[in-house]
Amino acid sequence: MKGRWAQGLQPRLFCWVITDRLAVSERPGGFARSHRKVRRQEELLWLSGRGFTHVLSLLDSPHNLRAYEEAGLAYEHQPLGRADELAERLDAVYSTIAAWLADPAERVLVHHEELSDRLIGVMAGYLLYSGLIDAGTHAVVIVERITGRQLGASGREIVAVTLDEGIRRAG
């Protein structure tokens, strides 16, 4: 492959939450019926070429996991689950991201099916968990600016659970 195609394609709705360290996007290859295997391969090529070291899938299903393995990208699959499971699951998601980002060489992509309220809410929650932001309202405003999307009820619920359950990084 030569030229532009050899570099792959940036995943749809890709944006940095922490510049050059932590990013979000919709599922590589697209979501649901719009998912395309060739597009997924191009997007994984782009991620590999940009030095991404880990992919964290928050999908309920195991979609794409084999493709990450074939592309040589380390991954973790941590479904968010139901609302009554959020506290436990969010703690695991946040601690996984924090452990990876403890190494300055790491670049992490977190995705859900699409760039949804839940994914954006997880990023706001992570900013709180990590101590980068100290107030829920500030975390919401920052992720809304970063993603260019307004955070809805399910995303705000994730922020509320993070705060109400005291899900914070130890130390």
C-alpha atoms as a PDB file:
ATOM      1  CA  MET A   1       0.000   0.000   0.000  1.00  0.00           C
ATOM      2  CA  LYS A   2       1.162   3.482  -0.789  1.00  0.00           C
ATOM      3  CA  GLY A   3       0.088   6.999  -0.167  1.00  0.00           C
ATOM      4  CA  ARG A   4      -2.851   8.058   1.928  1.00  0.00           C
ATOM      5  CA  TRP A   5      -4.360   4.564   2.222  1.00  0.00           C
ATOM      6  CA  ALA A   6      -1.169   3.160   3.735  1.00  0.00           C
ATOM      7  CA  GLN A   7      -1.707   5.523   6.676  1.00  0.00           C
ATOM      8  CA  GLY A   8      -5.200   4.212   7.363  1.00  0.00           C
ATOM      9  CA  LEU A   9      -8.257   6.236   8.269  1.00  0.00           C
ATOM     10  CA  GLN A  10      -8.947   8.115  11.478  1.00  0.00           C
ATOM     11  CA  PRO A  11     -11.849   6.511  13.384  1.00  0.00           C
ATOM     12  CA  ARG A  12     -15.122   8.399  13.172  1.00  0.00           C
ATOM     13  CA  LEU A  13     -15.769  10.985  15.848  1.00  0.00           C
ATOM     14  CA  PHE A  14     -12.225  10.546  17.164  1.00  0.00           C
ATOM     15  CA  CYS A  15     -11.122  13.105  19.734  1.00  0.00           C
ATOM     16  CA  TRP A  16      -8.475  13.429  22.385  1.00  0.00           C
ATOM     17  CA  VAL A  17      -9.663  13.649  25.983  1.00  0.00           C
ATOM     18  CA  ILE A  18      -6.072  13.974  27.195  1.00  0.00           C
ATOM     19  CA  THR A  19      -3.926  15.111  24.273  1.00  0.00           C
ATOM     20  CA  ASP A  20      -1.691  12.359  22.885  1.00  0.00           C
ATOM     21  CA  ARG A  21      -2.629   9.992  25.731  1.00  0.00           C
ATOM     22  CA  LEU A  22      -6.354   9.208  25.957  1.00  0.00           C
ATOM     23  CA  ALA A  23      -8.833   9.336  23.092  1.00  0.00           C
ATOM     24  CA  VAL A  24     -12.393   8.259  22.322  1.00  0.00           C
ATOM     25  CA  SER A  25     -14.226   7.330  19.153  1.00  0.00           C
ATOM     26  CA  GLU A  26     -17.056   5.189  17.908  1.00  0.00           C
ATOM     27  CA  ARG A  27     -16.256   1.506  17.460  1.00  0.00           C
ATOM     28  CA  PRO A  28     -13.534   1.099  14.802  1.00  0.00           C
ATOM     29  CA  GLY A  29     -15.307   0.091  11.613  1.00  0.00           C
ATOM     30  CA  GLY A  30     -18.539   1.793  12.570  1.00  0.00           C
ATOM     31  CA  PHE A  31     -21.483   0.713  14.631  1.00  0.00           C
ATOM     32  CA  ALA A  32     -24.357  -1.691  14.083  1.00  0.00           C
ATOM     33  CA  ARG A  33     -25.428  -2.067  10.466  1.00  0.00           C
ATOM     34  CA  SER A  34     -22.995   0.576   9.235  1.00  0.00           C
ATOM     35  CA  HIS A  35     -20.008  -1.516  10.421  1.00  0.00           C
ATOM     36  CA  ARG A  36     -17.579  -2.345   7.614  1.00  0.00           C
ATOM     37  CA  LYS A  37     -14.671  -4.775   7.941  1.00  0.00           C
ATOM     38  CA  VAL A  38     -12.476  -2.865   5.468  1.00  0.00           C
ATOM     39  CA  ARG A  39     -13.096   0.396   7.300  1.00  0.00           C
ATOM     40  CA  ARG A  40     -12.263  -1.323  10.598  1.00  0.00           C
ATOM     41  CA  GLN A  41      -8.959  -2.526   9.140  1.00  0.00           C
ATOM     42  CA  GLU A  42      -8.145   0.981   7.887  1.00  0.00           C
ATOM     43  CA  GLU A  43      -8.972   2.515  11.259  1.00  0.00           C
ATOM     44  CA  LEU A  44      -6.894  -0.059  13.150  1.00  0.00           C
ATOM     45  CA  LEU A  45      -4.020   0.653  10.765  1.00  0.00           C
ATOM     46  CA  TRP A  46      -4.374   4.358  11.582  1.00  0.00           C
ATOM     47  CA  LEU A  47      -4.388   3.656  15.338  1.00  0.00           C
ATOM     48  CA  SER A  48      -1.298   1.443  15.091  1.00  0.00           C
ATOM     49  CA  GLY A  49       0.474   4.038  12.959  1.00  0.00           C
ATOM     50  CA  ARG A  50      -0.243   6.735  15.553  1.00  0.00           C
ATOM     51  CA  GLY A  51       1.295   4.692  18.356  1.00  0.00           C
ATOM     52  CA  PHE A  52      -1.830   3.544  20.163  1.00  0.00           C
ATOM     53  CA  THR A  53      -0.889   0.846  22.637  1.00  0.00           C
ATOM     54  CA  HIS A  54      -4.272  -0.177  24.075  1.00  0.00           C
ATOM     55  CA  VAL A  55      -7.918  -0.252  23.114  1.00  0.00           C
ATOM     56  CA  LEU A  56     -10.601  -0.395  25.786  1.00  0.00           C
ATOM     57  CA  SER A  57     -13.949  -1.629  24.504  1.00  0.00           C
ATOM     58  CA  LEU A  58     -16.980  -0.754  26.625  1.00  0.00           C
ATOM     59  CA  LEU A  59     -19.353  -2.678  24.351  1.00  0.00           C
ATOM     60  CA  ASP A  60     -21.684  -5.234  25.848  1.00  0.00           C
ATOM     61  CA  SER A  61     -20.701  -7.603  23.031  1.00  0.00           C
ATOM     62  CA  PRO A  62     -17.224  -8.906  22.104  1.00  0.00           C
ATOM     63  CA  HIS A  63     -17.296  -7.235  18.669  1.00  0.00           C
ATOM     64  CA  ASN A  64     -13.865  -6.307  17.229  1.00  0.00           C
ATOM     65  CA  LEU A  65     -11.788  -8.115  19.863  1.00  0.00           C
ATOM     66  CA  ARG A  66     -10.349 -10.604  17.390  1.00  0.00           C
ATOM     67  CA  ALA A  67      -9.574  -7.751  14.975  1.00  0.00           C
ATOM     68  CA  TYR A  68      -7.573  -5.948  17.696  1.00  0.00           C
ATOM     69  CA  GLU A  69      -5.624  -9.112  18.321  1.00  0.00           C
ATOM     70  CA  GLU A  70      -4.936  -9.583  14.608  1.00  0.00           C
ATOM     71  CA  ALA A  71      -3.803  -5.939  14.340  1.00  0.00           C
ATOM     72  CA  GLY A  72      -1.407  -6.422  17.251  1.00  0.00           C
ATOM     73  CA  LEU A  73      -3.228  -3.939  19.483  1.00  0.00           C
ATOM     74  CA  ALA A  74      -3.506  -4.847  23.143  1.00  0.00           C
ATOM     75  CA  TYR A  75      -7.086  -4.570  24.325  1.00  0.00           C
ATOM     76  CA  GLU A  76      -9.391  -5.020  27.252  1.00  0.00           C
ATOM     77  CA  HIS A  77     -13.130  -5.627  27.103  1.00  0.00           C
ATOM     78  CA  GLN A  78     -15.092  -4.152  30.002  1.00  0.00           C
ATOM     79  CA  PRO A  79     -18.826  -3.868  29.308  1.00  0.00           C
ATOM     80  CA  LEU A  80     -20.575  -1.082  31.228  1.00  0.00           C
ATOM     81  CA  GLY A  81     -23.584  -3.257  31.919  1.00  0.00           C
ATOM     82  CA  ARG A  82     -26.809  -2.167  33.588  1.00  0.00           C
ATOM     83  CA  ALA A  83     -27.326   0.958  35.661  1.00  0.00           C
ATOM     84  CA  ASP A  84     -27.272  -1.048  38.909  1.00  0.00           C
ATOM     85  CA  GLU A  85     -23.811  -2.399  37.997  1.00  0.00           C
ATOM     86  CA  LEU A  86     -22.250   0.970  37.171  1.00  0.00           C
ATOM     87  CA  ALA A  87     -20.372   1.625  40.426  1.00  0.00           C
ATOM     88  CA  GLU A  88     -18.451  -1.656  40.280  1.00  0.00           C
ATOM     89  CA  ARG A  89     -17.866  -1.517  36.553  1.00  0.00           C
ATOM     90  CA  LEU A  90     -16.800   2.137  36.485  1.00  0.00           C
ATOM     91  CA  ASP A  91     -14.198   1.523  39.160  1.00  0.00           C
ATOM     92  CA  ALA A  92     -12.724  -1.272  37.013  1.00  0.00           C
ATOM     93  CA  VAL A  93     -12.813   0.852  33.837  1.00  0.00           C
ATOM     94  CA  TYR A  94     -11.189   3.865  35.495  1.00  0.00           C
ATOM     95  CA  SER A  95      -8.491   1.818  37.220  1.00  0.00           C
ATOM     96  CA  THR A  96      -7.646   0.061  33.945  1.00  0.00           C
ATOM     97  CA  ILE A  97      -7.222   3.368  32.127  1.00  0.00           C
ATOM     98  CA  ALA A  98      -5.187   4.815  35.012  1.00  0.00           C
ATOM     99  CA  ALA A  99      -2.893   1.776  35.105  1.00  0.00           C
ATOM    100  CA  TRP A 100      -2.197   2.041  31.399  1.00  0.00           C
ATOM    101  CA  LEU A 101      -1.651   5.801  31.513  1.00  0.00           C
ATOM    102  CA  ALA A 102       0.795   5.424  34.413  1.00  0.00           C
ATOM    103  CA  ASP A 103       3.304   4.564  31.681  1.00  0.00           C
ATOM    104  CA  PRO A 104       4.075   7.773  29.740  1.00  0.00           C
ATOM    105  CA  ALA A 105       4.571   5.766  26.539  1.00  0.00           C
ATOM    106  CA  GLU A 106       0.954   4.576  26.503  1.00  0.00           C
ATOM    107  CA  ARG A 107      -1.720   5.860  24.137  1.00  0.00           C
ATOM    108  CA  VAL A 108      -5.210   4.587  24.833  1.00  0.00           C
ATOM    109  CA  LEU A 109      -8.408   4.559  22.774  1.00  0.00           C
ATOM    110  CA  VAL A 110     -11.693   3.985  24.600  1.00  0.00           C
ATOM    111  CA  HIS A 111     -14.769   3.235  22.539  1.00  0.00           C
ATOM    112  CA  HIS A 112     -18.372   2.240  22.743  1.00  0.00           C
ATOM    113  CA  GLU A 113     -20.664   1.477  19.820  1.00  0.00           C
ATOM    114  CA  GLU A 114     -20.848   5.191  19.001  1.00  0.00           C
ATOM    115  CA  LEU A 115     -19.732   8.425  20.637  1.00  0.00           C
ATOM    116  CA  SER A 116     -22.663   8.219  23.012  1.00  0.00           C
ATOM    117  CA  ASP A 117     -23.676   9.801  26.296  1.00  0.00           C
ATOM    118  CA  ARG A 118     -22.380   6.735  28.115  1.00  0.00           C
ATOM    119  CA  LEU A 119     -18.905   6.981  26.576  1.00  0.00           C
ATOM    120  CA  ILE A 120     -18.705  10.731  27.130  1.00  0.00           C
ATOM    121  CA  GLY A 121     -19.966  10.245  30.692  1.00  0.00           C
ATOM    122  CA  VAL A 122     -17.233   7.669  31.315  1.00  0.00           C
ATOM    123  CA  MET A 123     -14.635  10.186  30.182  1.00  0.00           C
ATOM    124  CA  ALA A 124     -16.046  12.880  32.487  1.00  0.00           C
ATOM    125  CA  GLY A 125     -16.033  10.322  35.288  1.00  0.00           C
ATOM    126  CA  TYR A 126     -12.442   9.377  34.523  1.00  0.00           C
ATOM    127  CA  LEU A 127     -11.354  13.006  34.749  1.00  0.00           C
ATOM    128  CA  LEU A 128     -12.917  13.086  38.235  1.00  0.00           C
ATOM    129  CA  TYR A 129     -11.474   9.690  39.214  1.00  0.00           C
ATOM    130  CA  SER A 130      -7.976  10.702  38.165  1.00  0.00           C
ATOM    131  CA  GLY A 131      -8.111  13.992  40.047  1.00  0.00           C
ATOM    132  CA  LEU A 132      -7.552  16.029  36.882  1.00  0.00           C
ATOM    133  CA  ILE A 133     -10.911  17.722  37.552  1.00  0.00           C
ATOM    134  CA  ASP A 134     -12.403  18.162  41.004  1.00  0.00           C
ATOM    135  CA  ALA A 135     -16.056  19.030  40.313  1.00  0.00           C
ATOM    136  CA  GLY A 136     -18.701  17.130  38.381  1.00  0.00           C
ATOM    137  CA  THR A 137     -20.000  20.256  36.655  1.00  0.00           C
ATOM    138  CA  HIS A 138     -16.506  21.105  35.427  1.00  0.00           C
ATOM    139  CA  ALA A 139     -15.966  17.572  34.138  1.00  0.00           C
ATOM    140  CA  VAL A 140     -19.248  17.730  32.220  1.00  0.00           C
ATOM    141  CA  VAL A 141     -18.420  21.106  30.655  1.00  0.00           C
ATOM    142  CA  ILE A 142     -14.936  19.990  29.669  1.00  0.00           C
ATOM    143  CA  VAL A 143     -16.036  16.761  27.948  1.00  0.00           C
ATOM    144  CA  GLU A 144     -18.844  18.632  26.196  1.00  0.00           C
ATOM    145  CA  ARG A 145     -16.291  21.096  24.808  1.00  0.00           C
ATOM    146  CA  ILE A 146     -13.836  18.363  23.853  1.00  0.00           C
ATOM    147  CA  THR A 147     -16.418  16.227  22.063  1.00  0.00           C
ATOM    148  CA  GLY A 148     -18.650  19.012  20.762  1.00  0.00           C
ATOM    149  CA  ARG A 149     -21.669  17.167  22.175  1.00  0.00           C
ATOM    150  CA  GLN A 150     -24.042  17.931  25.002  1.00  0.00           C
ATOM    151  CA  LEU A 151     -24.054  15.311  27.743  1.00  0.00           C
ATOM    152  CA  GLY A 152     -27.475  13.751  28.254  1.00  0.00           C
ATOM    153  CA  ALA A 153     -29.119  11.895  31.111  1.00  0.00           C
ATOM    154  CA  SER A 154     -27.232   8.585  30.853  1.00  0.00           C
ATOM    155  CA  GLY A 155     -23.868  10.349  30.747  1.00  0.00           C
ATOM    156  CA  ARG A 156     -24.770  12.574  33.671  1.00  0.00           C
ATOM    157  CA  GLU A 157     -25.830   9.453  35.579  1.00  0.00           C
ATOM    158  CA  ILE A 158     -22.315   8.059  35.140  1.00  0.00           C
ATOM    159  CA  VAL A 159     -20.829  11.282  36.505  1.00  0.00           C
ATOM    160  CA  ALA A 160     -23.284  11.180  39.436  1.00  0.00           C
ATOM    161  CA  VAL A 161     -22.444   7.537  40.239  1.00  0.00           C
ATOM    162  CA  THR A 162     -18.734   8.363  40.118  1.00  0.00           C
ATOM    163  CA  LEU A 163     -19.270  11.197  42.615  1.00  0.00           C
ATOM    164  CA  ASP A 164     -21.928   9.554  44.817  1.00  0.00           C
ATOM    165  CA  GLU A 165     -19.997   6.303  45.165  1.00  0.00           C
ATOM    166  CA  GLY A 166     -16.717   8.136  45.790  1.00  0.00           C
ATOM    167  CA  ILE A 167     -14.986   6.330  42.943  1.00  0.00           C
ATOM    168  CA  ARG A 168     -11.549   7.901  43.145  1.00  0.00           C
ATOM    169  CA  ARG A 169      -8.023   6.853  42.411  1.00  0.00           C
ATOM    170  CA  ALA A 170      -6.266   5.561  45.510  1.00  0.00           C
ATOM    171  CA  GLY A 171      -3.298   7.611  46.616  1.00  0.00           C
END
